[in-house]
N, C-alpha and C. Protein backbone atom coordinates (compact mmCIF):
# COMPACT_ATOMS: atom_id res chain seq x y z
N MET A 1 100.48 102.58 142.74
CA MET A 1 100.22 101.87 141.50
C MET A 1 98.91 102.37 140.89
N GLU A 2 98.95 102.65 139.60
CA GLU A 2 97.78 103.17 138.91
C GLU A 2 97.54 102.39 137.62
N VAL A 3 96.30 102.08 137.38
CA VAL A 3 95.89 101.48 136.11
C VAL A 3 95.16 102.56 135.32
N LEU A 4 95.86 103.13 134.32
CA LEU A 4 95.32 104.27 133.59
C LEU A 4 94.39 103.87 132.45
N TYR A 5 94.23 102.58 132.23
CA TYR A 5 93.43 102.14 131.09
C TYR A 5 91.97 102.56 131.21
N TRP A 6 91.39 102.41 132.39
CA TRP A 6 89.95 102.63 132.53
C TRP A 6 89.56 104.10 132.38
N PRO A 7 90.24 105.07 132.97
CA PRO A 7 89.87 106.46 132.69
C PRO A 7 90.13 106.86 131.24
N GLU A 8 91.18 106.34 130.62
CA GLU A 8 91.43 106.64 129.21
C GLU A 8 90.36 106.02 128.33
N LEU A 9 89.89 104.83 128.72
CA LEU A 9 88.81 104.19 127.96
C LEU A 9 87.52 105.00 128.06
N ALA A 10 87.22 105.53 129.24
CA ALA A 10 86.02 106.35 129.40
C ALA A 10 86.11 107.62 128.56
N LEU A 11 87.30 108.22 128.52
CA LEU A 11 87.49 109.41 127.69
C LEU A 11 87.32 109.08 126.21
N MET A 12 87.82 107.92 125.81
CA MET A 12 87.67 107.52 124.41
C MET A 12 86.20 107.35 124.03
N VAL A 13 85.40 106.79 124.91
CA VAL A 13 83.98 106.60 124.63
C VAL A 13 83.29 107.95 124.45
N LEU A 14 83.63 108.93 125.29
CA LEU A 14 83.04 110.26 125.16
C LEU A 14 83.43 110.90 123.81
N ILE A 15 84.68 110.78 123.43
CA ILE A 15 85.12 111.33 122.14
C ILE A 15 84.45 110.60 120.99
N ALA A 16 84.27 109.29 121.11
CA ALA A 16 83.61 108.52 120.05
C ALA A 16 82.17 108.98 119.86
N VAL A 17 81.48 109.23 120.95
CA VAL A 17 80.09 109.72 120.86
C VAL A 17 80.06 111.09 120.20
N ALA A 18 81.00 111.95 120.57
CA ALA A 18 81.05 113.29 119.97
C ALA A 18 81.33 113.23 118.48
N LEU A 19 82.26 112.38 118.06
CA LEU A 19 82.57 112.25 116.64
C LEU A 19 81.38 111.70 115.86
N ALA A 20 80.66 110.77 116.45
CA ALA A 20 79.50 110.21 115.76
C ALA A 20 78.40 111.25 115.60
N ARG A 21 78.24 112.11 116.59
CA ARG A 21 77.19 113.13 116.51
C ARG A 21 77.53 114.22 115.51
N LEU A 22 78.81 114.37 115.16
CA LEU A 22 79.18 115.34 114.12
C LEU A 22 78.69 114.93 112.75
N ARG A 23 78.52 113.63 112.55
CA ARG A 23 78.05 113.08 111.27
C ARG A 23 78.95 113.50 110.11
N ARG A 24 80.24 113.49 110.34
CA ARG A 24 81.20 113.86 109.31
C ARG A 24 81.79 112.64 108.59
N THR A 25 81.51 111.47 109.09
CA THR A 25 82.01 110.23 108.49
C THR A 25 80.87 109.21 108.47
N PRO A 26 81.03 108.13 107.72
CA PRO A 26 79.98 107.10 107.71
C PRO A 26 79.94 106.25 108.97
N LEU A 27 80.84 106.46 109.92
CA LEU A 27 80.88 105.65 111.13
C LEU A 27 79.78 106.08 112.09
N ARG A 28 79.07 105.10 112.61
CA ARG A 28 78.06 105.35 113.62
C ARG A 28 78.67 105.24 115.02
N ILE A 29 77.87 105.48 116.06
CA ILE A 29 78.40 105.53 117.41
C ILE A 29 79.07 104.21 117.79
N HIS A 30 78.38 103.11 117.55
CA HIS A 30 78.96 101.82 117.95
C HIS A 30 80.22 101.49 117.16
N GLU A 31 80.31 101.98 115.92
CA GLU A 31 81.52 101.73 115.13
C GLU A 31 82.71 102.53 115.66
N TRP A 32 82.48 103.78 116.06
CA TRP A 32 83.55 104.57 116.67
C TRP A 32 84.02 103.91 117.96
N ILE A 33 83.07 103.42 118.76
CA ILE A 33 83.44 102.79 120.03
C ILE A 33 84.20 101.49 119.79
N LEU A 34 83.74 100.68 118.84
CA LEU A 34 84.44 99.44 118.54
C LEU A 34 85.84 99.71 118.00
N LEU A 35 85.96 100.73 117.15
CA LEU A 35 87.29 101.08 116.62
C LEU A 35 88.22 101.49 117.76
N GLY A 36 87.71 102.28 118.69
CA GLY A 36 88.52 102.69 119.83
C GLY A 36 88.86 101.54 120.76
N LEU A 37 87.92 100.62 120.96
CA LEU A 37 88.19 99.47 121.83
C LEU A 37 89.33 98.61 121.30
N GLY A 38 89.34 98.42 119.99
CA GLY A 38 90.40 97.59 119.42
C GLY A 38 91.78 98.20 119.58
N PHE A 39 91.86 99.52 119.47
CA PHE A 39 93.15 100.20 119.61
C PHE A 39 93.48 100.55 121.06
N SER A 40 92.54 100.40 121.95
CA SER A 40 92.75 100.87 123.33
C SER A 40 93.87 100.13 124.04
N THR A 41 94.07 98.87 123.71
CA THR A 41 95.14 98.10 124.34
C THR A 41 96.38 98.01 123.46
N VAL A 42 96.38 98.74 122.34
CA VAL A 42 97.51 98.69 121.40
C VAL A 42 98.24 100.01 121.37
N SER A 43 97.54 101.06 120.87
CA SER A 43 98.19 102.36 120.75
C SER A 43 97.12 103.42 120.52
N TRP A 44 97.11 104.42 121.41
CA TRP A 44 96.21 105.55 121.20
C TRP A 44 96.66 106.40 120.02
N LEU A 45 97.97 106.47 119.77
CA LEU A 45 98.48 107.26 118.65
C LEU A 45 98.00 106.70 117.32
N ALA A 46 98.01 105.38 117.18
CA ALA A 46 97.50 104.77 115.95
C ALA A 46 96.02 105.08 115.75
N LEU A 47 95.26 105.08 116.82
CA LEU A 47 93.84 105.43 116.73
C LEU A 47 93.66 106.87 116.27
N MET A 48 94.49 107.78 116.76
CA MET A 48 94.40 109.18 116.34
C MET A 48 94.73 109.35 114.86
N VAL A 49 95.70 108.58 114.37
CA VAL A 49 96.04 108.65 112.94
C VAL A 49 94.86 108.21 112.08
N VAL A 50 94.21 107.12 112.44
CA VAL A 50 93.05 106.64 111.69
C VAL A 50 91.91 107.65 111.76
N THR A 51 91.72 108.27 112.92
CA THR A 51 90.66 109.28 113.06
C THR A 51 90.93 110.49 112.18
N VAL A 52 92.17 110.96 112.17
CA VAL A 52 92.53 112.10 111.31
C VAL A 52 92.33 111.73 109.84
N TRP A 53 92.64 110.51 109.47
CA TRP A 53 92.45 110.06 108.08
C TRP A 53 90.98 110.11 107.68
N LEU A 54 90.09 109.62 108.53
CA LEU A 54 88.67 109.65 108.22
C LEU A 54 88.14 111.08 108.13
N LEU A 55 88.57 111.94 109.02
CA LEU A 55 88.12 113.34 108.99
C LEU A 55 88.69 114.07 107.78
N ALA A 56 89.91 113.72 107.37
CA ALA A 56 90.50 114.34 106.18
C ALA A 56 89.74 113.95 104.91
N LEU A 57 89.30 112.70 104.83
CA LEU A 57 88.49 112.29 103.68
C LEU A 57 87.15 113.02 103.66
N ASP A 58 86.58 113.23 104.83
CA ASP A 58 85.34 114.00 104.89
C ASP A 58 85.57 115.43 104.42
N TRP A 59 86.69 116.03 104.82
CA TRP A 59 87.01 117.39 104.35
C TRP A 59 87.18 117.41 102.84
N ARG A 60 87.80 116.35 102.29
CA ARG A 60 87.97 116.28 100.84
C ARG A 60 86.63 116.25 100.14
N ALA A 61 85.66 115.55 100.69
CA ALA A 61 84.35 115.43 100.05
C ALA A 61 83.54 116.71 100.18
N ARG A 62 83.81 117.52 101.19
CA ARG A 62 82.97 118.69 101.46
C ARG A 62 83.55 120.00 100.94
N ASP A 63 84.82 120.27 101.23
CA ASP A 63 85.35 121.63 101.04
C ASP A 63 86.57 121.72 100.14
N SER A 64 87.17 120.62 99.74
CA SER A 64 88.45 120.72 99.03
C SER A 64 88.31 121.28 97.62
N THR A 65 87.12 121.19 97.01
CA THR A 65 86.97 121.70 95.65
C THR A 65 86.99 123.22 95.59
N ARG A 66 86.96 123.88 96.74
CA ARG A 66 86.97 125.34 96.75
C ARG A 66 88.37 125.93 96.74
N ILE A 67 89.40 125.13 96.95
CA ILE A 67 90.75 125.65 97.04
C ILE A 67 91.35 125.76 95.65
N ALA A 68 92.49 126.45 95.56
CA ALA A 68 93.16 126.64 94.28
C ALA A 68 93.67 125.31 93.74
N SER A 69 93.93 125.30 92.44
CA SER A 69 94.26 124.04 91.78
C SER A 69 95.56 123.45 92.30
N HIS A 70 96.60 124.29 92.48
CA HIS A 70 97.87 123.72 92.91
C HIS A 70 97.78 123.18 94.34
N TRP A 71 96.99 123.85 95.21
CA TRP A 71 96.78 123.32 96.55
C TRP A 71 95.92 122.06 96.51
N PHE A 72 95.02 121.99 95.56
CA PHE A 72 94.18 120.80 95.40
C PHE A 72 95.03 119.58 95.06
N ASN A 73 95.97 119.76 94.14
CA ASN A 73 96.84 118.64 93.78
C ASN A 73 97.71 118.20 94.94
N LEU A 74 98.22 119.15 95.70
CA LEU A 74 99.01 118.80 96.88
C LEU A 74 98.17 118.06 97.92
N ALA A 75 96.91 118.51 98.07
CA ALA A 75 96.02 117.83 99.01
C ALA A 75 95.73 116.40 98.57
N GLN A 76 95.60 116.17 97.28
CA GLN A 76 95.38 114.82 96.77
C GLN A 76 96.56 113.91 97.11
N LEU A 77 97.78 114.42 96.90
CA LEU A 77 98.96 113.63 97.22
C LEU A 77 99.05 113.37 98.73
N ALA A 78 98.73 114.40 99.53
CA ALA A 78 98.78 114.22 100.98
C ALA A 78 97.76 113.20 101.45
N LEU A 79 96.59 113.17 100.83
CA LEU A 79 95.58 112.19 101.20
C LEU A 79 96.02 110.77 100.86
N VAL A 80 96.69 110.61 99.74
CA VAL A 80 97.20 109.28 99.39
C VAL A 80 98.22 108.82 100.43
N LEU A 81 99.14 109.72 100.80
CA LEU A 81 100.14 109.36 101.80
C LEU A 81 99.50 109.07 103.16
N LEU A 82 98.54 109.90 103.55
CA LEU A 82 97.85 109.68 104.82
C LEU A 82 97.06 108.38 104.81
N SER A 83 96.48 108.03 103.67
CA SER A 83 95.73 106.77 103.57
C SER A 83 96.66 105.57 103.77
N LEU A 84 97.85 105.64 103.17
CA LEU A 84 98.80 104.54 103.34
C LEU A 84 99.23 104.40 104.80
N VAL A 85 99.47 105.53 105.46
CA VAL A 85 99.86 105.48 106.87
C VAL A 85 98.73 104.93 107.73
N ALA A 86 97.50 105.38 107.46
CA ALA A 86 96.36 104.91 108.24
C ALA A 86 96.12 103.41 108.04
N LEU A 87 96.22 102.94 106.81
CA LEU A 87 96.03 101.51 106.56
C LEU A 87 97.12 100.68 107.22
N TRP A 88 98.34 101.22 107.23
CA TRP A 88 99.42 100.51 107.93
C TRP A 88 99.13 100.45 109.43
N ASN A 89 98.61 101.51 110.01
CA ASN A 89 98.27 101.50 111.42
C ASN A 89 97.16 100.51 111.72
N LEU A 90 96.19 100.40 110.82
CA LEU A 90 95.13 99.41 111.01
C LEU A 90 95.69 97.99 110.98
N PHE A 91 96.58 97.75 110.01
CA PHE A 91 97.20 96.42 109.93
C PHE A 91 98.05 96.15 111.17
N ALA A 92 98.81 97.15 111.60
CA ALA A 92 99.65 96.96 112.79
C ALA A 92 98.80 96.75 114.04
N GLY A 93 97.63 97.41 114.12
CA GLY A 93 96.75 97.21 115.26
C GLY A 93 96.21 95.79 115.32
N ILE A 94 95.82 95.25 114.16
CA ILE A 94 95.34 93.87 114.12
C ILE A 94 96.47 92.90 114.48
N HIS A 95 97.66 93.15 113.93
CA HIS A 95 98.80 92.27 114.20
C HIS A 95 99.16 92.28 115.69
N SER A 96 99.22 93.46 116.28
CA SER A 96 99.59 93.55 117.70
C SER A 96 98.50 92.97 118.60
N GLY A 97 97.24 93.16 118.20
CA GLY A 97 96.17 92.62 119.02
C GLY A 97 96.12 91.11 119.02
N LEU A 98 96.40 90.50 117.86
CA LEU A 98 96.33 89.04 117.77
C LEU A 98 97.58 88.35 118.29
N LEU A 99 98.74 88.97 118.13
CA LEU A 99 100.00 88.31 118.49
C LEU A 99 100.69 88.92 119.70
N GLY A 100 100.29 90.12 120.09
CA GLY A 100 100.94 90.77 121.22
C GLY A 100 100.15 90.66 122.50
N ASP A 101 100.66 91.32 123.52
CA ASP A 101 99.99 91.35 124.82
C ASP A 101 99.28 92.68 125.00
N PRO A 102 98.13 92.70 125.66
CA PRO A 102 97.42 93.97 125.85
C PRO A 102 98.16 94.87 126.83
N SER A 103 98.09 96.15 126.56
CA SER A 103 98.69 97.14 127.45
C SER A 103 97.58 97.82 128.25
N MET A 104 97.67 97.69 129.55
CA MET A 104 96.67 98.29 130.45
C MET A 104 97.17 99.61 131.03
N TYR A 105 98.32 100.08 130.56
CA TYR A 105 98.88 101.37 130.96
C TYR A 105 99.02 101.44 132.49
N VAL A 106 99.70 100.43 133.03
CA VAL A 106 99.96 100.37 134.46
C VAL A 106 101.24 101.14 134.76
N SER A 107 101.21 101.96 135.78
CA SER A 107 102.39 102.75 136.15
C SER A 107 102.42 102.94 137.66
N GLY A 108 103.58 103.31 138.16
CA GLY A 108 103.74 103.61 139.58
C GLY A 108 104.23 102.43 140.40
N ASN A 109 105.19 102.70 141.27
CA ASN A 109 105.70 101.73 142.25
C ASN A 109 106.30 100.49 141.59
N GLY A 110 106.85 100.67 140.40
CA GLY A 110 107.49 99.55 139.71
C GLY A 110 106.53 98.53 139.14
N SER A 111 105.26 98.87 139.01
CA SER A 111 104.28 97.92 138.48
C SER A 111 104.32 97.87 136.96
N THR A 112 103.97 96.73 136.42
CA THR A 112 103.89 96.54 134.98
C THR A 112 102.56 95.85 134.66
N ASP A 113 102.36 95.57 133.38
CA ASP A 113 101.14 94.87 132.98
C ASP A 113 101.08 93.46 133.54
N ARG A 114 102.22 92.88 133.87
CA ARG A 114 102.27 91.51 134.37
C ARG A 114 102.59 91.44 135.86
N SER A 115 102.90 92.57 136.45
CA SER A 115 103.26 92.56 137.87
C SER A 115 102.71 93.80 138.55
N LEU A 116 101.79 93.62 139.48
CA LEU A 116 101.18 94.72 140.21
C LEU A 116 101.79 94.77 141.60
N VAL A 117 102.34 95.92 141.96
CA VAL A 117 103.03 96.08 143.24
C VAL A 117 102.30 97.13 144.06
N TRP A 118 101.84 96.74 145.25
CA TRP A 118 101.20 97.69 146.16
C TRP A 118 102.15 97.99 147.32
N PHE A 119 102.05 99.19 147.83
CA PHE A 119 102.85 99.57 149.00
C PHE A 119 102.03 100.54 149.84
N HIS A 120 101.90 100.22 151.10
CA HIS A 120 101.17 101.09 152.03
C HIS A 120 102.07 101.34 153.22
N ASP A 121 102.51 102.59 153.36
CA ASP A 121 103.51 102.87 154.38
C ASP A 121 102.93 102.87 155.79
N ARG A 122 101.64 103.03 155.92
CA ARG A 122 101.03 103.03 157.25
C ARG A 122 99.76 102.19 157.21
N SER A 123 99.51 101.54 158.30
CA SER A 123 98.31 100.71 158.40
C SER A 123 97.81 100.74 159.82
N GLY A 124 96.52 101.05 159.96
CA GLY A 124 95.93 101.03 161.28
C GLY A 124 95.17 99.74 161.50
N GLY A 125 95.73 98.86 162.28
CA GLY A 125 95.06 97.59 162.53
C GLY A 125 95.37 96.57 161.45
N ALA A 126 94.31 96.03 160.87
CA ALA A 126 94.48 94.97 159.87
C ALA A 126 95.05 95.54 158.58
N MET A 127 95.85 94.73 157.93
CA MET A 127 96.44 95.13 156.64
C MET A 127 95.35 95.16 155.56
N PRO A 128 95.41 96.15 154.65
CA PRO A 128 94.42 96.19 153.56
C PRO A 128 94.62 95.03 152.61
N HIS A 129 93.52 94.57 152.06
CA HIS A 129 93.55 93.46 151.12
C HIS A 129 93.31 94.00 149.70
N ALA A 130 94.09 93.52 148.78
CA ALA A 130 93.96 93.91 147.37
C ALA A 130 93.19 92.84 146.61
N ALA A 131 92.38 93.27 145.68
CA ALA A 131 91.60 92.33 144.86
C ALA A 131 91.76 92.70 143.39
N VAL A 132 91.88 91.70 142.57
CA VAL A 132 92.07 91.89 141.13
C VAL A 132 91.14 90.94 140.39
N ILE A 133 90.42 91.46 139.41
CA ILE A 133 89.57 90.65 138.55
C ILE A 133 90.30 90.45 137.23
N THR A 134 90.59 89.25 136.88
CA THR A 134 91.37 88.96 135.68
C THR A 134 90.63 87.98 134.78
N LEU A 135 91.05 87.97 133.53
CA LEU A 135 90.56 87.00 132.54
C LEU A 135 91.78 86.35 131.88
N PRO A 136 91.65 85.16 131.41
CA PRO A 136 92.78 84.53 130.71
C PRO A 136 93.11 85.27 129.43
N LEU A 137 94.37 85.18 129.04
CA LEU A 137 94.81 85.87 127.82
C LEU A 137 94.09 85.35 126.59
N LEU A 138 93.64 84.11 126.63
CA LEU A 138 92.90 83.55 125.50
C LEU A 138 91.62 84.32 125.24
N ALA A 139 90.96 84.81 126.29
CA ALA A 139 89.74 85.60 126.10
C ALA A 139 90.04 86.88 125.34
N TYR A 140 91.18 87.50 125.63
CA TYR A 140 91.57 88.71 124.90
C TYR A 140 91.85 88.39 123.44
N LYS A 141 92.51 87.26 123.18
CA LYS A 141 92.82 86.90 121.80
C LYS A 141 91.55 86.64 121.00
N ILE A 142 90.59 85.98 121.61
CA ILE A 142 89.33 85.72 120.91
C ILE A 142 88.59 87.03 120.63
N ALA A 143 88.59 87.94 121.60
CA ALA A 143 87.95 89.24 121.40
C ALA A 143 88.64 90.02 120.28
N MET A 144 89.97 89.97 120.21
CA MET A 144 90.69 90.68 119.15
C MET A 144 90.46 90.04 117.79
N LEU A 145 90.28 88.73 117.76
CA LEU A 145 89.96 88.07 116.49
C LEU A 145 88.60 88.51 115.98
N ALA A 146 87.62 88.58 116.87
CA ALA A 146 86.30 89.08 116.47
C ALA A 146 86.39 90.53 116.01
N TRP A 147 87.21 91.35 116.70
CA TRP A 147 87.38 92.75 116.30
C TRP A 147 88.03 92.86 114.94
N ALA A 148 89.02 92.00 114.65
CA ALA A 148 89.70 92.03 113.36
C ALA A 148 88.74 91.66 112.23
N LEU A 149 87.88 90.67 112.46
CA LEU A 149 86.90 90.29 111.44
C LEU A 149 85.91 91.42 111.19
N TRP A 150 85.45 92.06 112.26
CA TRP A 150 84.55 93.20 112.09
C TRP A 150 85.23 94.33 111.35
N LEU A 151 86.49 94.61 111.70
CA LEU A 151 87.20 95.72 111.07
C LEU A 151 87.41 95.48 109.58
N ALA A 152 87.71 94.23 109.20
CA ALA A 152 87.90 93.92 107.78
C ALA A 152 86.63 94.17 106.99
N THR A 153 85.48 93.82 107.57
CA THR A 153 84.21 94.06 106.88
C THR A 153 83.88 95.54 106.81
N ALA A 154 84.07 96.26 107.92
CA ALA A 154 83.76 97.69 107.95
C ALA A 154 84.72 98.48 107.08
N LEU A 155 85.97 98.04 107.01
CA LEU A 155 86.96 98.79 106.24
C LEU A 155 86.62 98.80 104.76
N LEU A 156 86.01 97.76 104.23
CA LEU A 156 85.61 97.75 102.83
C LEU A 156 84.62 98.87 102.54
N ARG A 157 83.68 99.08 103.46
CA ARG A 157 82.70 100.14 103.27
C ARG A 157 83.35 101.52 103.42
N TRP A 158 84.27 101.65 104.37
CA TRP A 158 84.95 102.93 104.55
C TRP A 158 85.83 103.27 103.34
N LEU A 159 86.46 102.25 102.75
CA LEU A 159 87.32 102.49 101.59
C LEU A 159 86.50 102.92 100.38
N ARG A 160 85.34 102.33 100.19
CA ARG A 160 84.49 102.77 99.08
C ARG A 160 84.08 104.22 99.26
N TRP A 161 83.71 104.58 100.47
CA TRP A 161 83.38 105.98 100.75
C TRP A 161 84.59 106.88 100.55
N GLY A 162 85.76 106.44 100.97
CA GLY A 162 86.97 107.25 100.84
C GLY A 162 87.37 107.46 99.39
N VAL A 163 87.26 106.42 98.58
CA VAL A 163 87.61 106.56 97.16
C VAL A 163 86.64 107.51 96.47
N ASP A 164 85.35 107.40 96.78
CA ASP A 164 84.38 108.33 96.19
C ASP A 164 84.68 109.77 96.61
N ALA A 165 85.08 109.97 97.86
CA ALA A 165 85.42 111.32 98.32
C ALA A 165 86.67 111.83 97.61
N TRP A 166 87.66 110.96 97.43
CA TRP A 166 88.92 111.37 96.79
C TRP A 166 88.74 111.70 95.31
N LEU A 167 87.79 111.03 94.66
CA LEU A 167 87.55 111.26 93.23
C LEU A 167 86.53 112.36 92.97
N LEU A 168 85.89 112.89 93.99
CA LEU A 168 84.86 113.89 93.79
C LEU A 168 85.45 115.15 93.16
N GLY A 169 84.89 115.57 92.02
CA GLY A 169 85.39 116.76 91.34
C GLY A 169 86.67 116.53 90.57
N GLY A 170 87.08 115.27 90.37
CA GLY A 170 88.32 114.96 89.67
C GLY A 170 89.44 114.66 90.64
N TYR A 171 90.31 113.76 90.24
CA TYR A 171 91.41 113.38 91.12
C TYR A 171 92.65 114.22 90.91
N TRP A 172 92.69 115.02 89.81
CA TRP A 172 93.87 115.83 89.53
C TRP A 172 93.47 117.00 88.62
N HIS A 173 94.03 118.16 88.90
CA HIS A 173 93.81 119.32 88.04
C HIS A 173 95.01 119.47 87.13
N ARG A 174 94.81 119.25 85.83
CA ARG A 174 95.92 119.29 84.89
C ARG A 174 96.45 120.70 84.67
N ASN A 175 95.62 121.71 84.84
CA ASN A 175 96.04 123.09 84.62
C ASN A 175 96.08 123.80 85.95
N PRO A 176 97.24 123.82 86.64
CA PRO A 176 97.28 124.41 87.98
C PRO A 176 97.15 125.91 88.01
N ASN A 177 97.28 126.61 86.85
CA ASN A 177 97.19 128.07 86.82
C ASN A 177 96.35 128.50 85.63
N PRO A 178 95.01 128.42 85.76
CA PRO A 178 94.15 128.72 84.61
C PRO A 178 94.30 130.15 84.11
N SER A 179 94.63 131.11 84.96
CA SER A 179 94.72 132.50 84.54
C SER A 179 95.87 132.74 83.58
N ALA A 180 96.87 131.84 83.62
CA ALA A 180 98.03 132.02 82.75
C ALA A 180 97.97 131.13 81.53
N SER A 181 96.86 130.47 81.32
CA SER A 181 96.75 129.56 80.18
C SER A 181 96.62 130.34 78.89
N ILE A 182 97.04 129.74 77.80
CA ILE A 182 96.99 130.35 76.47
C ILE A 182 96.00 129.56 75.64
N ALA A 183 95.10 130.27 75.01
CA ALA A 183 94.08 129.59 74.21
C ALA A 183 94.74 128.86 73.05
N THR A 184 94.30 127.66 72.81
CA THR A 184 94.83 126.85 71.72
C THR A 184 93.73 126.59 70.71
N GLY A 185 94.15 126.20 69.53
CA GLY A 185 93.20 125.88 68.48
C GLY A 185 92.80 127.07 67.62
N ALA A 186 93.32 128.28 67.87
CA ALA A 186 92.98 129.45 67.07
C ALA A 186 93.75 129.41 65.76
N ASP A 187 93.11 129.84 64.66
CA ASP A 187 93.76 129.88 63.34
C ASP A 187 94.60 131.13 63.24
N VAL A 188 95.88 130.96 63.01
CA VAL A 188 96.81 132.08 62.86
C VAL A 188 97.42 131.96 61.49
N THR A 189 97.28 133.01 60.63
CA THR A 189 97.80 133.00 59.27
C THR A 189 99.08 133.81 59.22
N PRO A 190 100.22 133.22 58.91
CA PRO A 190 101.47 133.98 58.84
C PRO A 190 101.41 135.01 57.73
N SER A 191 102.21 136.07 57.93
CA SER A 191 102.23 137.13 56.92
C SER A 191 102.86 136.61 55.66
N GLY A 192 102.25 136.97 54.49
CA GLY A 192 102.78 136.58 53.20
C GLY A 192 102.32 135.22 52.73
N THR A 193 101.55 134.51 53.54
CA THR A 193 101.07 133.20 53.14
C THR A 193 99.57 133.15 53.34
N GLY A 194 98.99 132.08 52.90
CA GLY A 194 97.56 131.91 53.08
C GLY A 194 96.86 131.93 51.74
N ALA A 195 95.59 131.60 51.75
CA ALA A 195 94.80 131.53 50.52
C ALA A 195 94.43 132.92 50.06
N MET A 196 94.33 133.10 48.78
CA MET A 196 93.93 134.38 48.18
C MET A 196 92.42 134.51 48.25
N ASP A 197 91.96 135.71 48.51
CA ASP A 197 90.52 135.92 48.53
C ASP A 197 89.99 135.99 47.12
N LYS A 198 88.68 136.03 47.03
CA LYS A 198 88.05 135.97 45.71
C LYS A 198 88.35 137.21 44.88
N GLY A 199 88.55 138.37 45.56
CA GLY A 199 88.80 139.59 44.78
C GLY A 199 90.15 139.60 44.14
N SER A 200 91.11 138.81 44.66
CA SER A 200 92.46 138.81 44.10
C SER A 200 92.67 137.73 43.09
N MET A 201 91.69 136.88 42.88
CA MET A 201 91.85 135.79 41.92
C MET A 201 91.63 136.34 40.51
N PRO A 202 92.47 135.97 39.51
CA PRO A 202 92.28 136.44 38.13
C PRO A 202 91.01 135.86 37.54
N SER A 203 90.30 136.71 36.80
CA SER A 203 89.04 136.30 36.17
C SER A 203 89.32 135.63 34.85
N THR A 204 88.50 134.71 34.50
CA THR A 204 88.62 133.99 33.22
C THR A 204 87.30 134.08 32.49
N ASP A 205 87.37 134.01 31.16
CA ASP A 205 86.15 134.01 30.37
C ASP A 205 85.62 132.61 30.25
N GLU A 206 84.58 132.47 29.44
CA GLU A 206 83.92 131.18 29.32
C GLU A 206 84.82 130.14 28.68
N THR A 207 85.79 130.56 27.84
CA THR A 207 86.69 129.60 27.18
C THR A 207 87.81 129.16 28.08
N GLY A 208 87.91 129.80 29.26
CA GLY A 208 88.96 129.41 30.18
C GLY A 208 90.21 130.24 30.02
N SER A 209 90.24 131.23 29.09
CA SER A 209 91.44 132.05 28.89
C SER A 209 91.38 133.26 29.78
N ASN A 210 92.53 133.77 30.09
CA ASN A 210 92.66 134.95 30.93
C ASN A 210 92.78 136.16 30.05
N PRO A 211 91.82 137.11 30.14
CA PRO A 211 91.87 138.30 29.25
C PRO A 211 93.10 139.15 29.50
N SER A 212 93.63 139.12 30.70
CA SER A 212 94.78 139.99 30.96
C SER A 212 96.07 139.41 30.45
N ASP A 213 96.03 138.15 29.97
CA ASP A 213 97.24 137.53 29.44
C ASP A 213 97.32 137.81 27.96
N PRO A 214 98.36 138.56 27.47
CA PRO A 214 98.44 138.90 26.05
C PRO A 214 98.63 137.68 25.17
N THR A 215 99.14 136.62 25.70
CA THR A 215 99.35 135.43 24.86
C THR A 215 98.09 134.64 24.62
N SER A 216 97.04 134.94 25.42
CA SER A 216 95.81 134.19 25.28
C SER A 216 94.92 134.71 24.17
N SER A 217 95.14 135.96 23.67
CA SER A 217 94.32 136.55 22.61
C SER A 217 95.08 136.52 21.30
N ARG A 218 94.41 136.32 20.21
CA ARG A 218 95.04 136.29 18.89
C ARG A 218 94.52 137.42 18.03
């Protein structure tokens, strides 16, 4: 029988410290650890989705303006889709934490989260004694409620940062191929039309008559 929760939790703490030291997101060390703790008994996959979402927003704020326009627009759409998936995972994590049972990732010898089975095929002398330290499920629910309240407050700050990153440099490039654009607003005069220049206008005398018109002279 193995309880895989504790080594996985230790690995998560190490990764959280590494992500905080990168300084690629507004999350500090304790925020990364708290985020991981809340998902640790729910789903590691959901935690990875949220982590990828935060790192993708950081990439958008730093390097996305250097790519071509059509790739930029695709990246904007992908970020919107990824944001929806990440927010759904956050909501699902809160829902599972408050209404579900924690998963301690127990495996081996037919053991489950609610039933621990030990088996020792050989024993020299006295039988080994097993010890388990447990807490009531209510303690877990209270801890998850506190985590949900913290996450709701922190998420507002993360969303403001994410929206600013998504809007940096414009949210959409209207002209995906600037090299093929055609200049507009230029004056084009069709052949045979247009105003006459001053040299082609007939001259008139002071009386207003045209000297070249034979009917104007008497």
